Amino acid sequence: MLDDFGSFGKDLDGYINYMYAFKESQKGGGGGKKPPSNSGCLTSLAFALAFILVITALLSY
């Protein structure tokens, strides 16, 4: 293992500080929550109703 990690320090303390900074920089922003998909129950119901109406209209001709 290297002895000097620049501004992060030397030896084990420098390595720990470097790895902590590296991991923090690799994190994504936004708190880690998944954005809403906007496909709730009402949306699913509306698509199902529209599908049934289209099929009914096609079969009635």
C-alpha atoms as a PDB file:
ATOM      1  CA  MET A   1       0.000   0.000   0.000  1.00  0.00           C
ATOM      2  CA  LEU A   2       1.202   3.529  -0.680  1.00  0.00           C
ATOM      3  CA  ASP A   3       2.422   5.663   2.226  1.00  0.00           C
ATOM      4  CA  ASP A   4       1.314   9.123   1.108  1.00  0.00           C
ATOM      5  CA  PHE A   5      -2.201  10.041  -0.043  1.00  0.00           C
ATOM      6  CA  GLY A   6      -1.532  13.746  -0.625  1.00  0.00           C
ATOM      7  CA  SER A   7      -4.013  16.075   1.031  1.00  0.00           C
ATOM      8  CA  PHE A   8      -5.805  13.070   2.554  1.00  0.00           C
ATOM      9  CA  GLY A   9      -2.875  12.227   4.833  1.00  0.00           C
ATOM     10  CA  LYS A  10      -0.385   9.429   5.252  1.00  0.00           C
ATOM     11  CA  ASP A  11      -0.575   5.715   5.971  1.00  0.00           C
ATOM     12  CA  LEU A  12      -3.869   4.133   7.045  1.00  0.00           C
ATOM     13  CA  ASP A  13      -5.539   7.436   7.985  1.00  0.00           C
ATOM     14  CA  GLY A  14      -4.798   8.873   4.535  1.00  0.00           C
ATOM     15  CA  TYR A  15      -6.138   5.758   2.851  1.00  0.00           C
ATOM     16  CA  ILE A  16      -9.347   5.846   4.900  1.00  0.00           C
ATOM     17  CA  ASN A  17      -9.871   9.543   4.150  1.00  0.00           C
ATOM     18  CA  TYR A  18      -9.192   8.973   0.442  1.00  0.00           C
ATOM     19  CA  MET A  19     -11.615   6.050   0.203  1.00  0.00           C
ATOM     20  CA  TYR A  20     -14.304   7.972   2.082  1.00  0.00           C
ATOM     21  CA  ALA A  21     -13.960  10.945  -0.288  1.00  0.00           C
ATOM     22  CA  PHE A  22     -13.980   8.623  -3.313  1.00  0.00           C
ATOM     23  CA  LYS A  23     -17.148   6.825  -2.202  1.00  0.00           C
ATOM     24  CA  GLU A  24     -18.887  10.120  -1.456  1.00  0.00           C
ATOM     25  CA  SER A  25     -18.032  11.407  -4.925  1.00  0.00           C
ATOM     26  CA  GLN A  26     -19.466   8.266  -6.556  1.00  0.00           C
ATOM     27  CA  LYS A  27     -22.856   8.588  -4.910  1.00  0.00           C
ATOM     28  CA  GLY A  28     -25.720   9.738  -7.054  1.00  0.00           C
ATOM     29  CA  GLY A  29     -27.609  12.826  -6.073  1.00  0.00           C
ATOM     30  CA  GLY A  30     -31.159  13.069  -4.859  1.00  0.00           C
ATOM     31  CA  GLY A  31     -31.324  11.095  -1.654  1.00  0.00           C
ATOM     32  CA  GLY A  32     -31.506   7.654  -3.231  1.00  0.00           C
ATOM     33  CA  LYS A  33     -35.262   7.510  -3.696  1.00  0.00           C
ATOM     34  CA  LYS A  34     -36.747   6.167  -6.893  1.00  0.00           C
ATOM     35  CA  PRO A  35     -38.618   8.830  -8.874  1.00  0.00           C
ATOM     36  CA  PRO A  36     -42.371   8.308  -9.155  1.00  0.00           C
ATOM     37  CA  SER A  37     -43.376   6.246 -12.157  1.00  0.00           C
ATOM     38  CA  ASN A  38     -46.778   7.927 -12.614  1.00  0.00           C
ATOM     39  CA  SER A  39     -48.387   4.551 -13.232  1.00  0.00           C
ATOM     40  CA  GLY A  40     -50.719   4.230 -10.308  1.00  0.00           C
ATOM     41  CA  CYS A  41     -53.979   2.407  -9.932  1.00  0.00           C
ATOM     42  CA  LEU A  42     -56.047   5.102 -11.646  1.00  0.00           C
ATOM     43  CA  THR A  43     -53.763   5.134 -14.692  1.00  0.00           C
ATOM     44  CA  SER A  44     -53.937   1.343 -14.982  1.00  0.00           C
ATOM     45  CA  LEU A  45     -57.713   1.445 -14.690  1.00  0.00           C
ATOM     46  CA  ALA A  46     -57.968   4.114 -17.393  1.00  0.00           C
ATOM     47  CA  PHE A  47     -55.782   2.090 -19.783  1.00  0.00           C
ATOM     48  CA  ALA A  48     -57.801  -1.064 -19.129  1.00  0.00           C
ATOM     49  CA  LEU A  49     -61.083   0.790 -19.777  1.00  0.00           C
ATOM     50  CA  ALA A  50     -59.721   2.327 -22.988  1.00  0.00           C
ATOM     51  CA  PHE A  51     -58.525  -1.103 -24.148  1.00  0.00           C
ATOM     52  CA  ILE A  52     -61.937  -2.654 -23.494  1.00  0.00           C
ATOM     53  CA  LEU A  53     -63.678   0.186 -25.361  1.00  0.00           C
ATOM     54  CA  VAL A  54     -61.391  -0.217 -28.389  1.00  0.00           C
ATOM     55  CA  ILE A  55     -61.886  -3.983 -28.496  1.00  0.00           C
ATOM     56  CA  THR A  56     -65.674  -3.560 -28.143  1.00  0.00           C
ATOM     57  CA  ALA A  57     -65.733  -0.980 -30.930  1.00  0.00           C
ATOM     58  CA  LEU A  58     -63.682  -3.217 -33.229  1.00  0.00           C
ATOM     59  CA  LEU A  59     -65.868  -6.266 -32.590  1.00  0.00           C
ATOM     60  CA  SER A  60     -69.126  -4.381 -33.145  1.00  0.00           C
ATOM     61  CA  TYR A  61     -68.307  -3.641 -36.823  1.00  0.00           C
END
